[in-house]
Protein backbone atom coordinates (compact mmCIF):
# COMPACT_ATOMS: atom_id res chain seq x y z
CA MET A 1 0.00 0.00 0.00
CA ASP A 2 1.41 3.37 -1.04
CA ILE A 3 0.09 5.42 1.85
CA GLU A 4 1.58 8.61 0.40
CA LYS A 5 -0.84 8.29 -2.51
CA GLN A 6 -3.91 7.58 -0.42
CA ARG A 7 -6.49 10.34 -0.74
CA ARG A 8 -7.15 12.03 2.62
CA THR A 9 -10.23 14.12 1.80
CA HIS A 10 -13.32 12.03 1.10
CA VAL A 11 -16.18 12.32 -1.36
CA ILE A 12 -19.74 11.76 -0.16
CA TRP A 13 -22.18 10.78 -2.88
CA SER A 14 -25.70 12.12 -2.22
CA PHE A 15 -29.17 10.92 -3.16
CA ASP A 16 -32.64 11.89 -2.11
CA SER A 17 -35.43 9.43 -1.42
CA SER A 18 -36.70 9.33 -5.01
CA CYS A 19 -33.37 7.96 -6.31
CA LEU A 20 -33.28 4.81 -4.17
CA THR A 21 -33.67 2.24 -6.92
CA ASP A 22 -32.31 -1.19 -7.82
CA GLU A 23 -30.24 0.50 -10.51
CA LEU A 24 -28.56 2.73 -7.94
CA LEU A 25 -27.86 -0.23 -5.68
CA SER A 26 -26.22 -2.19 -8.48
CA SER A 27 -24.01 0.78 -9.40
CA LEU A 28 -22.44 1.17 -5.94
CA ASP A 29 -18.78 0.20 -5.68
CA VAL A 30 -16.97 0.59 -2.36
CA ASN A 31 -13.70 1.03 -4.28
CA LYS A 32 -15.06 4.21 -5.90
CA VAL A 33 -17.47 5.61 -3.30
CA ASP A 34 -16.11 6.84 0.04
CA ALA A 35 -19.50 7.34 1.73
CA LEU A 36 -23.20 7.73 0.93
CA ARG A 37 -25.53 10.47 2.11
CA ILE A 38 -29.22 9.75 1.73
CA VAL A 39 -31.58 12.68 2.20
CA SER A 40 -34.73 11.51 3.95
CA GLU A 41 -37.58 13.68 2.77
CA LYS A 42 -40.82 14.04 4.69
CA GLY A 43 -42.62 10.72 5.11
CA GLN A 44 -39.82 8.70 3.49
CA ILE A 45 -37.83 7.42 6.48
CA ASP A 46 -39.12 3.82 6.15
CA LYS A 47 -38.02 3.72 2.51
CA VAL A 48 -34.62 5.14 3.47
CA MET A 49 -34.10 2.63 6.28
CA GLN A 50 -35.00 -0.28 4.03
CA PHE A 51 -32.51 0.92 1.40
CA CYS A 52 -29.78 1.27 4.04
CA ARG A 53 -30.33 -2.36 5.02
CA ARG A 54 -30.07 -3.42 1.38
CA ILE A 55 -26.80 -1.49 0.94
CA LYS A 56 -25.10 -3.36 3.76
CA ALA A 57 -26.58 -6.71 2.72
CA GLU A 58 -26.19 -6.58 -1.08
CA VAL A 59 -23.22 -4.32 -1.90
CA ALA A 60 -19.93 -6.21 -1.67
CA GLY A 61 -17.74 -4.80 1.09
CA ALA A 62 -20.30 -2.20 2.23
CA ARG A 63 -20.74 -3.66 5.71
CA GLU A 64 -17.03 -3.27 6.37
CA ARG A 65 -16.08 -0.21 4.35
CA LEU A 66 -18.99 2.04 3.37
CA PRO A 67 -20.27 4.64 5.88
CA VAL A 68 -23.92 5.57 5.33
CA LEU A 69 -25.16 9.01 6.38
CA VAL A 70 -28.89 9.73 6.66
CA ASP A 71 -29.76 13.42 6.47
CA LEU A 72 -33.01 14.36 8.20
CA TYR A 73 -33.42 17.17 5.74
CA ASP A 74 -34.61 20.60 6.82
CA HIS A 75 -38.06 20.19 5.37
CA VAL A 76 -38.71 21.95 2.09
CA ARG A 77 -41.08 24.77 2.95
CA GLY A 78 -42.37 24.95 -0.60
CA SER A 79 -41.70 23.81 -4.15
CA VAL A 80 -42.61 25.04 -7.61
CA VAL A 81 -45.16 22.78 -9.31
CA GLU A 82 -47.15 22.72 -12.53
CA LEU A 83 -44.10 23.88 -14.47
CA ASP A 84 -43.73 22.03 -17.78
CA GLY A 85 -40.05 22.80 -18.28
CA PRO A 86 -37.25 25.28 -17.47
CA LYS A 87 -38.46 28.86 -17.02
CA GLU A 88 -36.20 31.88 -17.44
CA LEU A 89 -36.73 34.72 -14.98
CA VAL A 90 -35.06 38.07 -15.62
CA PHE A 91 -33.97 40.83 -13.25
CA GLY A 92 -36.74 43.37 -12.76
CA ASP A 93 -39.57 41.00 -13.73
CA GLU A 94 -42.66 40.94 -11.55
CA ILE A 95 -44.34 37.57 -11.12
CA LYS A 96 -47.47 36.45 -9.33
CA ILE A 97 -47.24 33.32 -7.20
CA ALA A 98 -50.11 31.36 -5.67
CA PRO A 99 -50.65 28.12 -3.74
CA VAL A 100 -51.98 24.96 -5.39
CA GLY A 101 -55.52 25.64 -6.62
CA GLY A 102 -54.83 29.34 -7.14
CA LYS A 103 -53.87 31.35 -10.22
CA GLY A 104 -50.40 32.76 -10.79
CA ASP A 105 -47.29 32.75 -12.95
CA LEU A 106 -45.84 30.21 -10.54
CA ILE A 107 -47.76 27.70 -8.41
CA ILE A 108 -46.23 26.85 -5.03
CA ARG A 109 -46.95 23.64 -3.17
CA THR A 110 -46.64 24.38 0.56
CA GLU A 111 -48.28 23.63 3.88
CA GLU A 112 -47.25 27.04 5.19
CA TRP A 113 -48.82 29.49 2.75
CA PRO A 114 -50.21 31.95 5.36
CA ASP A 115 -46.81 32.08 7.15
CA LEU A 116 -44.39 31.43 4.30
CA LEU A 117 -43.84 34.96 2.92
CA ALA A 118 -43.07 38.32 4.48
CA LYS A 119 -43.29 41.68 2.72
CA ASN A 120 -39.94 43.18 1.58
CA HIS A 121 -38.07 39.96 2.44
CA SER A 122 -36.19 37.69 0.05
CA VAL A 123 -37.53 34.49 -1.50
CA TYR A 124 -34.97 31.96 -2.78
CA LEU A 125 -36.06 29.68 -5.63
CA GLY A 126 -34.13 26.60 -6.68
CA ASN A 127 -31.47 26.75 -3.94
CA GLY A 128 -30.89 30.42 -4.63
CA MET A 129 -30.51 30.18 -8.40
CA VAL A 130 -33.28 32.80 -8.58
CA VAL A 131 -33.84 35.41 -5.88
CA ALA A 132 -36.96 37.55 -5.53
CA LYS A 133 -38.34 40.11 -3.08
CA VAL A 134 -41.94 40.16 -1.86
CA LYS A 135 -43.63 43.36 -3.11
CA SER A 136 -47.17 42.67 -1.95
CA LEU A 137 -49.14 40.00 -0.09
CA ASN A 138 -52.77 38.99 -0.59
CA GLY A 139 -54.76 36.13 0.83
CA ASP A 140 -54.55 33.96 -2.29
CA HIS A 141 -51.43 35.28 -4.04
CA ALA A 142 -48.28 37.36 -3.71
CA VAL A 143 -46.32 39.55 -6.12
CA LEU A 144 -42.57 39.08 -6.29
CA GLU A 145 -39.89 41.19 -7.97
CA ILE A 146 -36.93 39.29 -9.42
CA VAL A 147 -33.67 40.69 -8.02
CA GLN A 148 -31.42 37.89 -9.30
CA GLY A 149 -32.42 36.29 -12.56
CA GLY A 150 -31.80 32.73 -13.64
CA THR A 151 -33.33 29.49 -14.86
CA LEU A 152 -36.01 27.85 -12.75
CA TYR A 153 -36.64 24.12 -13.09
CA PRO A 154 -39.72 22.07 -12.12
CA GLU A 155 -39.92 21.10 -8.43
CA ALA A 156 -37.49 23.89 -7.47
CA ASP A 157 -37.31 24.53 -3.72
CA VAL A 158 -38.80 27.67 -2.20
CA GLN A 159 -37.05 29.05 0.89
CA VAL A 160 -37.74 32.21 2.91
CA PRO A 161 -35.15 32.54 5.72
CA ALA A 162 -36.90 35.55 7.29
CA THR A 163 -39.93 33.48 8.34
CA LEU A 164 -38.04 30.36 9.45
CA ARG A 165 -38.61 29.49 13.11
CA PRO A 166 -35.98 27.94 15.42
CA LEU A 167 -36.03 24.13 15.58
CA THR A 168 -36.94 22.26 18.76
CA HIS A 169 -36.10 18.67 19.67
CA ASP A 170 -39.69 17.43 19.29
CA GLN A 171 -40.03 18.66 15.69
CA ILE A 172 -38.06 15.79 14.15
CA PRO A 173 -40.38 12.79 14.50
CA ASP A 174 -38.21 10.52 12.33
CA VAL A 175 -35.15 10.69 14.62
CA PHE A 176 -35.86 7.78 16.92
CA ARG A 177 -37.01 5.49 14.12
CA ALA A 178 -33.81 6.22 12.23
CA VAL A 179 -31.46 5.63 15.16
CA SER A 180 -32.92 2.15 15.68
CA GLU A 181 -31.44 1.06 12.34
CA PRO A 182 -27.92 -0.44 12.77
CA CYS A 183 -27.15 0.08 9.08
CA ILE A 184 -27.08 3.88 9.59
CA ASP A 185 -23.63 5.09 10.61
CA TYR A 186 -24.26 8.85 10.82
CA LEU A 187 -27.47 10.76 11.43
CA ILE A 188 -27.42 14.39 10.27
CA LEU A 189 -29.78 16.58 12.27
CA PRO A 190 -31.15 19.86 10.94
CA SER A 191 -29.68 23.14 12.12
CA PHE A 192 -30.31 23.72 15.84
CA GLU A 193 -29.96 27.15 17.40
CA ASP A 194 -30.50 26.26 21.06
CA ALA A 195 -27.90 24.08 22.80
CA ASN A 196 -30.44 22.90 25.36
CA GLU A 197 -32.73 21.59 22.62
CA LEU A 198 -29.83 19.80 20.92
CA GLU A 199 -28.67 18.32 24.22
CA LYS A 200 -32.13 16.89 24.90
CA ILE A 201 -32.24 14.96 21.65
CA THR A 202 -28.61 13.76 21.68
CA GLN A 203 -28.91 12.53 25.28
CA LYS A 204 -31.93 10.42 24.35
CA ILE A 205 -30.15 9.02 21.31
CA ASN A 206 -26.91 8.19 23.14
CA ALA A 207 -28.84 6.41 25.91
CA LEU A 208 -30.13 3.84 23.42
CA PRO A 209 -28.44 0.41 23.06
CA TYR A 210 -27.39 1.27 19.52
CA SER A 211 -26.83 4.78 18.23
CA PRO A 212 -25.21 6.21 15.11
CA TRP A 213 -22.77 9.11 15.28
CA ILE A 214 -24.71 12.36 15.34
CA MET A 215 -23.85 15.28 13.08
CA MET A 216 -25.65 18.60 12.71
CA LYS A 217 -26.20 20.85 9.76
CA VAL A 218 -24.92 24.43 9.97
CA SER A 219 -27.39 26.28 7.77
CA THR A 220 -28.44 29.36 9.73
CA VAL A 221 -26.64 32.39 11.10
CA ALA A 222 -28.08 31.69 14.55
CA THR A 223 -26.50 28.20 14.52
CA LEU A 224 -23.21 29.73 13.43
CA GLU A 225 -23.26 32.21 16.32
CA LYS A 226 -23.95 29.44 18.87
CA LEU A 227 -21.50 26.88 17.44
CA ASP A 228 -19.25 26.83 20.52
CA ASP A 229 -22.25 25.80 22.63
CA LEU A 230 -23.57 23.26 20.09
CA LEU A 231 -20.41 21.37 19.05
CA PRO A 232 -19.92 19.43 22.31
CA PHE A 233 -23.15 17.50 21.63
CA VAL A 234 -22.33 16.19 18.14
CA ARG A 235 -19.55 14.30 16.35
CA GLY A 236 -19.33 16.85 13.58
CA VAL A 237 -21.14 19.21 11.23
CA LEU A 238 -22.29 19.47 7.65
CA ILE A 239 -21.72 23.03 6.43
CA SER A 240 -24.59 24.01 4.14
CA ARG A 241 -23.03 26.88 2.24
CA VAL A 242 -26.07 27.43 0.04
CA SER A 243 -28.34 27.87 3.05
CA LEU A 244 -25.87 30.17 4.79
CA ALA A 245 -25.64 32.32 1.67
CA MET A 246 -29.39 32.88 1.88
CA GLN A 247 -29.02 34.40 5.34
CA MET A 248 -25.86 36.46 5.03
CA ASP A 249 -23.77 38.28 2.46
CA PRO A 250 -22.63 35.48 0.09
CA ALA A 251 -19.19 37.11 -0.06
CA GLN A 252 -18.73 36.17 3.61
CA VAL A 253 -19.50 32.47 3.16
CA PRO A 254 -16.00 31.31 2.01
CA MET A 255 -14.32 32.81 5.07
CA VAL A 256 -17.10 31.58 7.37
CA THR A 257 -16.57 28.07 5.97
CA LYS A 258 -12.88 28.22 6.88
CA GLU A 259 -13.74 29.43 10.39
CA ILE A 260 -16.23 26.60 10.94
CA ILE A 261 -13.70 23.98 9.79
CA GLN A 262 -11.06 25.45 12.09
CA LYS A 263 -13.51 25.47 15.00
CA CYS A 264 -14.35 21.81 14.30
CA ASN A 265 -10.66 20.99 14.48
CA ASP A 266 -10.38 22.90 17.74
CA TYR A 267 -13.14 20.69 19.16
CA ALA A 268 -11.92 17.49 17.41
CA LYS A 269 -15.11 17.26 15.34
CA ILE A 270 -15.69 16.08 11.78
CA SER A 271 -16.32 18.78 9.17
CA VAL A 272 -18.14 18.11 5.90
CA VAL A 273 -18.68 20.80 3.26
CA ALA A 274 -21.78 20.91 1.06
CA SER A 275 -22.60 23.62 -1.48
CA GLU A 276 -24.41 22.00 -4.42
CA MET A 277 -21.03 20.70 -5.58
CA LEU A 278 -21.19 19.62 -9.22
CA GLY A 279 -24.94 20.22 -9.24
CA SER A 280 -24.63 21.76 -12.72
CA MET A 281 -23.59 18.34 -14.06
CA ARG A 282 -27.18 17.21 -13.74
CA HIS A 283 -27.66 18.97 -17.07
CA ASN A 284 -24.09 19.58 -18.35
CA VAL A 285 -21.24 17.22 -19.17
CA THR A 286 -18.71 19.60 -17.57
CA PRO A 287 -19.01 21.49 -14.26
CA THR A 288 -18.49 25.20 -13.70
CA ARG A 289 -15.03 26.41 -12.69
CA ALA A 290 -16.50 27.63 -9.41
CA GLU A 291 -17.74 24.14 -8.50
CA VAL A 292 -14.31 22.62 -9.09
CA SER A 293 -12.73 25.41 -7.05
CA ASP A 294 -15.18 24.70 -4.20
CA ILE A 295 -13.91 21.13 -3.99
CA ALA A 296 -10.24 22.12 -4.09
CA ASN A 297 -10.73 24.84 -1.48
CA ALA A 298 -12.41 22.35 0.87
CA VAL A 299 -9.21 20.29 0.64
CA PHE A 300 -7.04 23.31 1.40
CA ASP A 301 -9.32 24.32 4.28
CA GLY A 302 -8.85 20.93 5.94
CA ALA A 303 -12.38 19.51 5.60
CA ASP A 304 -12.80 15.79 6.16
CA ALA A 305 -15.14 15.38 3.19
CA VAL A 306 -17.09 17.16 0.47
CA VAL A 307 -20.72 16.38 -0.37
CA LEU A 308 -21.78 16.14 -3.98
CA SER A 309 -25.15 17.66 -4.85
CA GLU A 310 -28.06 15.24 -4.77
CA ALA A 311 -29.21 16.90 -8.01
CA LEU A 312 -26.27 15.16 -9.72
CA ALA A 313 -27.96 11.79 -9.21
CA TYR A 314 -30.87 12.80 -11.46
CA GLY A 315 -28.68 13.36 -14.51
CA LYS A 316 -26.76 11.04 -16.81
CA TYR A 317 -23.36 12.38 -15.74
CA ALA A 318 -23.41 11.16 -12.12
CA GLN A 319 -20.53 8.69 -12.47
CA ARG A 320 -18.51 11.24 -14.43
CA GLY A 321 -19.12 13.79 -11.65
CA LEU A 322 -17.97 11.37 -8.96
CA MET A 323 -14.74 10.62 -10.81
CA LEU A 324 -14.12 14.31 -11.44
CA ALA A 325 -14.51 15.12 -7.74
CA ILE A 326 -11.99 12.43 -6.82
CA LYS A 327 -9.54 13.65 -9.46
CA THR A 328 -9.86 17.24 -8.23
CA ILE A 329 -9.06 16.17 -4.66
CA GLU A 330 -6.08 14.11 -5.78
CA GLU A 331 -4.70 17.03 -7.78
CA ALA A 332 -5.09 19.32 -4.77
CA GLU A 333 -3.53 16.87 -2.33
CA PHE A 334 -0.65 15.47 -4.38
CA THR A 335 0.49 18.32 -6.65
CA ALA A 336 3.59 20.21 -5.47
CA GLY A 337 4.05 17.98 -2.44
CA GLY A 338 0.55 18.37 -1.06
CA PRO A 339 -1.48 21.34 0.10
CA SER A 340 -0.67 23.80 2.83
CA MET A 341 -3.64 24.04 5.13
CA ASN A 342 -5.43 27.37 5.35
CA TRP A 343 -5.69 26.85 9.09
CA VAL A 344 -2.82 26.06 11.42
CA LYS A 345 -3.36 24.57 14.87
CA LYS A 346 0.03 25.58 16.24
CA HIS A 347 -0.78 26.04 19.91
CA PRO A 348 -3.92 24.09 20.78
CA ASP A 349 -5.57 24.66 24.13
CA ILE A 350 -4.90 21.78 26.51
CA THR A 351 -7.88 21.32 28.81
CA ASN A 352 -7.93 17.57 29.50
CA GLU A 353 -5.87 14.38 29.37
CA ILE A 354 -6.80 13.31 25.86
CA GLU A 355 -5.72 16.68 24.43
CA ALA A 356 -2.44 16.59 26.36
CA VAL A 357 -1.56 13.09 25.16
CA THR A 358 -2.66 13.47 21.53
CA SER A 359 -1.01 16.88 21.00
CA SER A 360 2.26 15.50 22.37
CA ALA A 361 1.97 12.46 20.10
CA TYR A 362 1.32 14.68 17.09
CA ARG A 363 4.47 16.72 17.74
CA ALA A 364 6.56 13.63 18.48
CA ALA A 365 5.52 12.01 15.20
CA TYR A 366 6.74 15.05 13.28
CA ARG A 367 10.04 15.36 15.15
CA ASN A 368 10.82 11.65 14.88
CA GLN A 369 9.73 11.32 11.24
CA ALA A 370 7.37 8.53 12.26
CA LYS A 371 5.66 6.49 9.56
CA ALA A 372 2.37 6.57 11.45
CA ILE A 373 0.58 7.55 14.63
CA VAL A 374 -1.11 4.44 16.01
CA CYS A 375 -3.89 4.81 18.57
CA LEU A 376 -5.89 2.27 20.51
CA THR A 377 -9.46 3.55 20.64
CA LYS A 378 -12.78 2.17 21.82
CA ASN A 379 -15.23 4.75 20.48
CA GLY A 380 -13.04 6.68 18.01
CA ASN A 381 -12.41 9.70 20.25
CA THR A 382 -8.61 9.39 20.30
CA ALA A 383 -8.50 9.10 16.50
CA LEU A 384 -10.70 12.19 16.11
CA HIS A 385 -8.42 14.21 18.37
CA LEU A 386 -5.30 13.10 16.50
CA ALA A 387 -6.90 13.91 13.13
CA SER A 388 -7.83 17.39 14.36
CA TYR A 389 -4.19 18.54 14.18
CA GLY A 390 -4.09 18.16 10.40
CA SER A 391 -1.00 15.97 10.59
CA ARG A 392 0.47 14.68 7.34
CA THR A 393 1.50 11.58 9.26
CA PRO A 394 -1.08 8.81 8.68
CA ILE A 395 -3.18 7.80 11.67
CA ILE A 396 -3.97 4.14 12.31
CA ALA A 397 -6.92 3.57 14.64
CA VAL A 398 -6.87 0.14 16.27
CA THR A 399 -10.25 -0.84 17.74
CA MET A 400 -12.40 -3.84 18.52
CA SER A 401 -15.46 -2.25 16.89
CA ALA A 402 -16.17 -2.79 13.19
CA ASP A 403 -18.71 0.04 13.40
CA VAL A 404 -16.04 2.48 14.60
CA ILE A 405 -13.66 1.44 11.81
CA ARG A 406 -16.35 2.04 9.18
CA ARG A 407 -17.31 5.43 10.62
CA LEU A 408 -13.70 6.57 10.88
CA ARG A 409 -13.36 6.06 7.11
CA LEU A 410 -14.99 9.48 6.83
CA VAL A 411 -12.27 11.16 8.91
CA ARG A 412 -9.38 12.82 7.14
CA GLY A 413 -6.11 10.89 7.32
CA VAL A 414 -7.40 7.95 9.40
CA VAL A 415 -7.43 4.23 8.56
CA GLY A 416 -8.74 1.53 10.86
CA ILE A 417 -7.54 -1.94 11.87
CA LEU A 418 -9.77 -4.40 13.71
CA LEU A 419 -8.41 -5.90 16.93
CA ASP A 420 -9.70 -9.35 17.88
CA GLU A 421 -8.79 -9.27 21.55
CA SER A 422 -8.74 -6.79 24.41
CA PRO A 423 -5.09 -6.30 25.43
CA ASP A 424 -3.89 -5.57 28.93
CA ILE A 425 -1.42 -2.78 29.54
CA GLU A 426 1.57 -5.13 29.97
CA HIS A 427 1.21 -6.78 26.57
CA VAL A 428 -0.33 -4.03 24.49
CA THR A 429 2.83 -2.95 22.65
CA SER A 430 3.73 -6.48 21.55
CA ILE A 431 0.17 -7.10 20.34
CA ILE A 432 0.14 -3.81 18.42
CA ASN A 433 3.55 -4.61 16.88
CA SER A 434 2.31 -7.95 15.60
CA LEU A 435 -0.90 -6.39 14.27
CA LEU A 436 0.98 -3.68 12.37
CA LEU A 437 3.39 -6.15 10.80
CA HIS A 438 0.55 -8.27 9.42
CA LYS A 439 -2.16 -5.71 8.64
CA SER A 440 -0.49 -2.37 7.79
CA TRP A 441 2.00 -0.87 5.36
CA ILE A 442 4.53 -0.24 8.13
CA LYS A 443 7.65 -2.37 7.78
CA ALA A 444 10.16 -3.78 10.25
CA ASN A 445 12.47 -1.08 11.68
CA ASP A 446 9.99 1.70 10.81
CA ARG A 447 9.30 4.15 13.61
CA TYR A 448 5.79 4.94 14.81
CA VAL A 449 4.14 6.75 17.70
CA PHE A 450 1.73 4.74 19.84
CA VAL A 451 -1.06 6.43 21.81
CA SER A 452 -3.61 5.08 24.28
CA VAL A 453 -5.83 7.21 26.49
CA THR A 454 -7.55 5.56 29.44
CA LEU A 455 -11.06 6.84 28.73
CA SER A 456 -11.11 5.48 25.20
CA SER A 457 -9.21 2.21 25.25
CA LEU A 458 -7.74 -0.02 27.92
CA GLY A 459 -10.11 0.60 30.82
CA ARG A 460 -9.97 2.11 34.27
CA GLU A 461 -6.96 0.12 35.44
CA ALA A 462 -4.77 1.39 32.60
CA SER A 463 -2.58 4.46 32.48
CA ASN A 464 -2.42 6.92 29.63
CA LEU A 465 0.26 5.72 27.27
CA PHE A 466 2.30 7.65 24.70
CA THR A 467 5.51 6.18 23.33
CA VAL A 468 7.75 6.17 20.26
CA GLN A 469 8.25 2.61 19.00
CA THR A 470 10.36 0.89 16.35
CA LEU A 471 8.53 -1.96 14.69
CA GLN A 472 10.27 -5.27 15.39
């Protein structure tokens, strides 16, 4: 294995509920797909759970190597219906919109018509491809002025950030059905703005016999402002750049993305970037330059993974888009000796034992030119902390949990090895040496750094362990 040529940033292929077909299942290849994100739309969680079971049962290698993320999508507040084909809307146009059964230039399907719009506030159509402002409101219709023209396609989303209400823990009825499914590795919650509400739902989930790793979407400015309070309750975040751009100056979103990724690294959390990446390839054989740049910049920013647009799955260029995303990442990571990160965690805050041990191990690996940092981990916490430093040294997570190994495949720079027995502190180094010789790329006489932290590996009787070893 040429570990120097192993891609560190991962590609998550996305699909919504309508794409879950036998054809999709037969096209999945764990050698080409790093992870799957399935967007569970309203009323579709049973279909999603059934498909997740089929993935692990019918796709070769999926049970061992393919993380599955289920996104409990922020519900679509409205969508454009009764549109026969693409419709061009031009700056300055005035259009009349109405709910289903009404009369207008555009018909909107929504359960929130009386509360959806607000005068003088922006309406985003098709994930912001077209932007309008509400000029007037009437009981059965509204008049909008187009302030950003573009092409509108059938079933385009309708979003109005100004009238969006904060989410509470009891507004996601599908959560506890989804977490009962062992084939789901990650559950992505919508954007919470209140840490107490997020804590309530994560505590209930983590108290269950089986629970996936919980991530949260960052899609509102309020969530962004409370991120320090919210991050302790999740394993990571999905950064919804399109949604953020609807609530703030779009020019600020690139820098905000970098800040979120850096904050995730500060808290040893996973960061995943989504921004309709390669969505244009639903209709076009080649992507826009901006979409390719988005992928490369996510690599330079230190994200663990990028999420391809679920719109890509509807077109005939889905496989081409997946390969292009992988190639873009490889070019960014391997050209000119690899990227320089846009964030640098030079002097991390040390507030507990795991941070003290892992930061010392990270520095020791660099100074000793170690071939790897090897950690013994029960739940993946030690590996997440080591990965948060952005080390170019590969991280090998040794664990007795196949679930943890599969989930860590989403984390930048981490590979997993399954341990068949629980070692005691006296024999752990010899067991790890034997395991590395037989199951890793490390060779005899190579140097590596070994890390074990009591809370995540050997048990209460063990001491924290950090040592530089030479493989024998």
